């Protein structure tokens, strides 16, 4: 017997924001999830997403590439300072 392929539903950003706002305004998450026809976990992730976007906009969340570059610069600076300290000790 062949398995049916599951169709992944997509929702607009406006739909997600509206549902998340209902929860933020005090409506129970379980009620909103049932009303809009989504899982409670989906609704929770939509509710939490703006905080991640806010941090990304303020620069608190950095990309892996940026962190790698920053780490490389700090390692080079650390090595320079170690050599400098060694020279000054002599």
N, C-alpha and C. Protein backbone atom coordinates (compact mmCIF):
# COMPACT_ATOMS: atom_id res chain seq x y z
N UNK A 1 0.84 -1.16 0.00
CA UNK A 1 0.00 0.00 0.00
C UNK A 1 0.89 1.24 0.00
N UNK A 2 0.63 2.18 -0.90
CA UNK A 2 1.43 3.39 -1.02
C UNK A 2 1.02 4.41 0.04
N UNK A 3 2.04 5.06 0.60
CA UNK A 3 1.79 6.08 1.62
C UNK A 3 1.45 7.40 0.92
N UNK A 4 0.47 8.10 1.46
CA UNK A 4 0.12 9.40 0.93
C UNK A 4 1.19 10.41 1.32
N UNK A 5 1.55 11.24 0.36
CA UNK A 5 2.52 12.29 0.67
C UNK A 5 1.82 13.38 1.46
N UNK A 6 2.46 13.81 2.53
CA UNK A 6 1.89 14.84 3.37
C UNK A 6 2.16 16.22 2.74
N UNK A 7 1.12 17.02 2.64
CA UNK A 7 1.25 18.34 2.05
C UNK A 7 1.53 19.33 3.17
N UNK A 8 2.61 20.09 3.01
CA UNK A 8 2.98 21.07 4.02
C UNK A 8 2.22 22.37 3.75
N UNK A 9 1.49 22.82 4.76
CA UNK A 9 0.74 24.06 4.62
C UNK A 9 1.66 25.26 4.86
N UNK A 10 1.39 26.34 4.17
CA UNK A 10 2.14 27.57 4.39
C UNK A 10 1.18 28.66 4.81
N UNK A 11 1.67 29.56 5.63
CA UNK A 11 0.86 30.66 6.14
C UNK A 11 1.58 31.97 5.88
N UNK A 12 0.79 33.01 5.60
CA UNK A 12 1.40 34.32 5.36
C UNK A 12 1.89 34.91 6.68
N UNK A 13 2.82 35.85 6.57
CA UNK A 13 3.34 36.52 7.77
C UNK A 13 2.22 37.25 8.50
N UNK A 14 1.29 37.84 7.74
CA UNK A 14 0.18 38.56 8.35
C UNK A 14 -0.70 37.61 9.17
N UNK A 15 -0.95 36.43 8.63
CA UNK A 15 -1.74 35.42 9.33
C UNK A 15 -1.06 35.03 10.65
N UNK A 16 0.25 34.81 10.59
CA UNK A 16 1.02 34.41 11.78
C UNK A 16 1.01 35.52 12.83
N UNK A 17 1.22 36.76 12.37
CA UNK A 17 1.24 37.90 13.30
C UNK A 17 -0.11 38.10 13.98
N UNK A 18 -1.18 37.93 13.20
CA UNK A 18 -2.52 38.10 13.76
C UNK A 18 -2.80 37.05 14.82
N UNK A 19 -2.45 35.81 14.54
CA UNK A 19 -2.67 34.73 15.51
C UNK A 19 -1.81 34.95 16.76
N UNK A 20 -0.57 35.34 16.57
CA UNK A 20 0.33 35.58 17.71
C UNK A 20 -0.16 36.77 18.54
N UNK A 21 -0.70 37.78 17.88
CA UNK A 21 -1.20 38.96 18.58
C UNK A 21 -2.39 38.60 19.46
N UNK A 22 -3.24 37.71 18.97
CA UNK A 22 -4.39 37.27 19.78
C UNK A 22 -3.92 36.65 21.08
N UNK A 23 -2.86 35.85 21.02
CA UNK A 23 -2.31 35.23 22.23
C UNK A 23 -1.70 36.31 23.12
N UNK A 24 -0.97 37.23 22.52
CA UNK A 24 -0.33 38.31 23.29
C UNK A 24 -1.38 39.20 23.97
N UNK A 25 -2.54 39.31 23.36
CA UNK A 25 -3.61 40.13 23.92
C UNK A 25 -4.38 39.41 25.03
N UNK A 26 -4.00 38.18 25.36
CA UNK A 26 -4.59 37.50 26.50
C UNK A 26 -5.47 36.30 26.19
N UNK A 27 -5.70 36.03 24.92
CA UNK A 27 -6.51 34.86 24.56
C UNK A 27 -5.68 33.60 24.79
N UNK A 28 -6.33 32.52 25.21
CA UNK A 28 -5.60 31.27 25.45
C UNK A 28 -5.01 30.73 24.15
N UNK A 29 -3.76 30.28 24.24
CA UNK A 29 -3.06 29.78 23.06
C UNK A 29 -3.78 28.56 22.47
N UNK A 30 -4.29 27.69 23.32
CA UNK A 30 -4.98 26.50 22.82
C UNK A 30 -6.24 26.88 22.03
N UNK A 31 -6.96 27.90 22.50
CA UNK A 31 -8.17 28.36 21.81
C UNK A 31 -7.82 28.95 20.45
N UNK A 32 -6.79 29.79 20.43
CA UNK A 32 -6.38 30.41 19.17
C UNK A 32 -5.91 29.35 18.19
N UNK A 33 -5.11 28.39 18.66
CA UNK A 33 -4.60 27.33 17.79
C UNK A 33 -5.74 26.55 17.16
N UNK A 34 -6.75 26.22 17.95
CA UNK A 34 -7.91 25.50 17.40
C UNK A 34 -8.68 26.36 16.41
N UNK A 35 -8.85 27.65 16.74
CA UNK A 35 -9.61 28.55 15.86
C UNK A 35 -8.96 28.70 14.49
N UNK A 36 -7.64 28.84 14.47
CA UNK A 36 -6.97 29.07 13.19
C UNK A 36 -6.52 27.77 12.53
N UNK A 37 -6.63 26.66 13.24
CA UNK A 37 -6.34 25.35 12.64
C UNK A 37 -4.87 25.00 12.53
N UNK A 38 -4.09 25.38 13.56
CA UNK A 38 -2.66 25.05 13.58
C UNK A 38 -2.33 24.37 14.90
N UNK A 39 -1.14 23.78 14.95
CA UNK A 39 -0.72 23.15 16.19
C UNK A 39 -0.31 24.21 17.20
N UNK A 40 -0.35 23.84 18.45
CA UNK A 40 0.05 24.74 19.52
C UNK A 40 1.54 25.11 19.40
N UNK A 41 2.35 24.14 18.98
CA UNK A 41 3.78 24.40 18.80
C UNK A 41 4.04 25.43 17.70
N UNK A 42 3.29 25.34 16.60
CA UNK A 42 3.44 26.32 15.53
C UNK A 42 3.09 27.71 16.04
N UNK A 43 2.00 27.80 16.76
CA UNK A 43 1.56 29.09 17.29
C UNK A 43 2.60 29.66 18.26
N UNK A 44 3.17 28.82 19.09
CA UNK A 44 4.20 29.28 20.03
C UNK A 44 5.43 29.79 19.29
N UNK A 45 5.83 29.10 18.23
CA UNK A 45 7.00 29.56 17.49
C UNK A 45 6.72 30.89 16.80
N UNK A 46 5.49 31.09 16.34
CA UNK A 46 5.14 32.37 15.72
C UNK A 46 5.16 33.48 16.75
N UNK A 47 4.75 33.15 17.96
CA UNK A 47 4.70 34.13 19.03
C UNK A 47 6.11 34.55 19.44
N UNK A 48 7.05 33.62 19.41
CA UNK A 48 8.42 33.89 19.84
C UNK A 48 9.27 34.52 18.74
N UNK A 49 8.88 34.39 17.49
CA UNK A 49 9.70 34.85 16.37
C UNK A 49 10.04 36.33 16.41
N UNK A 50 9.12 37.23 16.74
CA UNK A 50 9.48 38.65 16.73
C UNK A 50 10.65 39.00 17.64
N UNK A 51 10.81 38.31 18.76
CA UNK A 51 11.93 38.62 19.65
C UNK A 51 13.25 38.28 18.96
N UNK A 52 13.27 37.20 18.19
CA UNK A 52 14.49 36.84 17.45
C UNK A 52 14.75 37.89 16.38
N UNK A 53 13.71 38.31 15.66
CA UNK A 53 13.87 39.33 14.63
C UNK A 53 14.34 40.65 15.24
N UNK A 54 13.81 40.98 16.43
CA UNK A 54 14.21 42.22 17.10
C UNK A 54 15.70 42.17 17.45
N UNK A 55 16.17 41.04 17.97
CA UNK A 55 17.59 40.91 18.31
C UNK A 55 18.45 40.95 17.06
N UNK A 56 17.99 40.33 16.00
CA UNK A 56 18.75 40.34 14.75
C UNK A 56 18.85 41.78 14.22
N UNK A 57 17.77 42.54 14.33
CA UNK A 57 17.76 43.92 13.85
C UNK A 57 18.69 44.80 14.68
N UNK A 58 18.81 44.51 15.97
CA UNK A 58 19.68 45.31 16.83
C UNK A 58 21.11 44.80 16.82
N UNK A 59 21.36 43.73 16.10
CA UNK A 59 22.73 43.22 15.98
C UNK A 59 23.14 42.28 17.09
N UNK A 60 22.21 41.84 17.93
CA UNK A 60 22.57 40.94 19.01
C UNK A 60 22.78 39.51 18.54
N UNK A 61 22.19 39.17 17.41
CA UNK A 61 22.39 37.84 16.84
C UNK A 61 23.29 38.01 15.62
N UNK A 62 24.46 37.36 15.67
CA UNK A 62 25.42 37.48 14.58
C UNK A 62 25.44 36.19 13.78
N UNK A 63 25.80 36.32 12.53
CA UNK A 63 25.89 35.14 11.68
C UNK A 63 27.14 34.35 12.05
N UNK A 64 27.18 33.11 11.65
CA UNK A 64 28.34 32.25 11.93
C UNK A 64 29.59 32.80 11.26
N UNK A 65 29.45 33.37 10.07
CA UNK A 65 30.59 33.92 9.35
C UNK A 65 31.17 35.11 10.12
N UNK A 66 30.29 35.98 10.61
CA UNK A 66 30.74 37.13 11.38
C UNK A 66 31.46 36.69 12.64
N UNK A 67 30.91 35.70 13.33
CA UNK A 67 31.55 35.19 14.54
C UNK A 67 32.91 34.56 14.24
N UNK A 68 33.00 33.84 13.12
CA UNK A 68 34.26 33.22 12.72
C UNK A 68 35.31 34.29 12.44
N UNK A 69 34.91 35.35 11.72
CA UNK A 69 35.85 36.44 11.41
C UNK A 69 36.29 37.16 12.68
N UNK A 70 35.35 37.42 13.57
CA UNK A 70 35.67 38.09 14.83
C UNK A 70 36.62 37.23 15.67
N UNK A 71 36.37 35.94 15.69
CA UNK A 71 37.23 35.01 16.43
C UNK A 71 38.64 35.01 15.86
N UNK A 72 38.77 35.02 14.54
CA UNK A 72 40.09 35.03 13.90
C UNK A 72 40.85 36.31 14.25
N UNK A 73 40.15 37.44 14.24
CA UNK A 73 40.80 38.71 14.60
C UNK A 73 41.25 38.71 16.06
N UNK A 74 40.42 38.19 16.93
CA UNK A 74 40.78 38.15 18.35
C UNK A 74 41.95 37.21 18.61
N UNK A 75 42.00 36.09 17.89
CA UNK A 75 43.14 35.17 18.03
C UNK A 75 44.44 35.84 17.56
N UNK A 76 44.37 36.57 16.45
CA UNK A 76 45.55 37.26 15.94
C UNK A 76 46.00 38.34 16.92
N UNK A 77 45.06 39.08 17.48
CA UNK A 77 45.40 40.11 18.45
C UNK A 77 46.00 39.50 19.71
N UNK A 78 45.45 38.39 20.15
CA UNK A 78 45.97 37.69 21.32
C UNK A 78 47.41 37.23 21.09
N UNK A 79 47.68 36.70 19.92
CA UNK A 79 49.03 36.25 19.58
C UNK A 79 50.00 37.43 19.56
N UNK A 80 49.57 38.55 18.99
CA UNK A 80 50.39 39.76 18.94
C UNK A 80 50.72 40.23 20.37
N UNK A 81 49.71 40.26 21.22
CA UNK A 81 49.93 40.72 22.60
C UNK A 81 50.84 39.78 23.38
N UNK A 82 50.74 38.49 23.12
CA UNK A 82 51.63 37.53 23.78
C UNK A 82 53.08 37.78 23.37
N UNK A 83 53.30 37.99 22.05
CA UNK A 83 54.67 38.26 21.58
C UNK A 83 55.19 39.57 22.16
N UNK A 84 54.36 40.56 22.21
CA UNK A 84 54.75 41.87 22.74
C UNK A 84 55.13 41.76 24.22
N UNK A 85 54.34 41.03 24.96
CA UNK A 85 54.63 40.85 26.40
C UNK A 85 55.96 40.12 26.57
N UNK A 86 56.21 39.12 25.72
CA UNK A 86 57.46 38.36 25.79
C UNK A 86 58.65 39.26 25.52
N UNK A 87 58.53 40.14 24.53
CA UNK A 87 59.62 41.07 24.20
C UNK A 87 59.86 42.05 25.34
N UNK A 88 58.78 42.55 25.95
CA UNK A 88 58.91 43.52 27.03
C UNK A 88 59.53 42.92 28.30
N UNK A 89 59.36 41.63 28.49
CA UNK A 89 59.95 40.95 29.65
C UNK A 89 61.46 40.90 29.57
N UNK A 90 62.03 40.91 28.37
CA UNK A 90 63.47 40.76 28.18
C UNK A 90 64.22 42.00 28.53
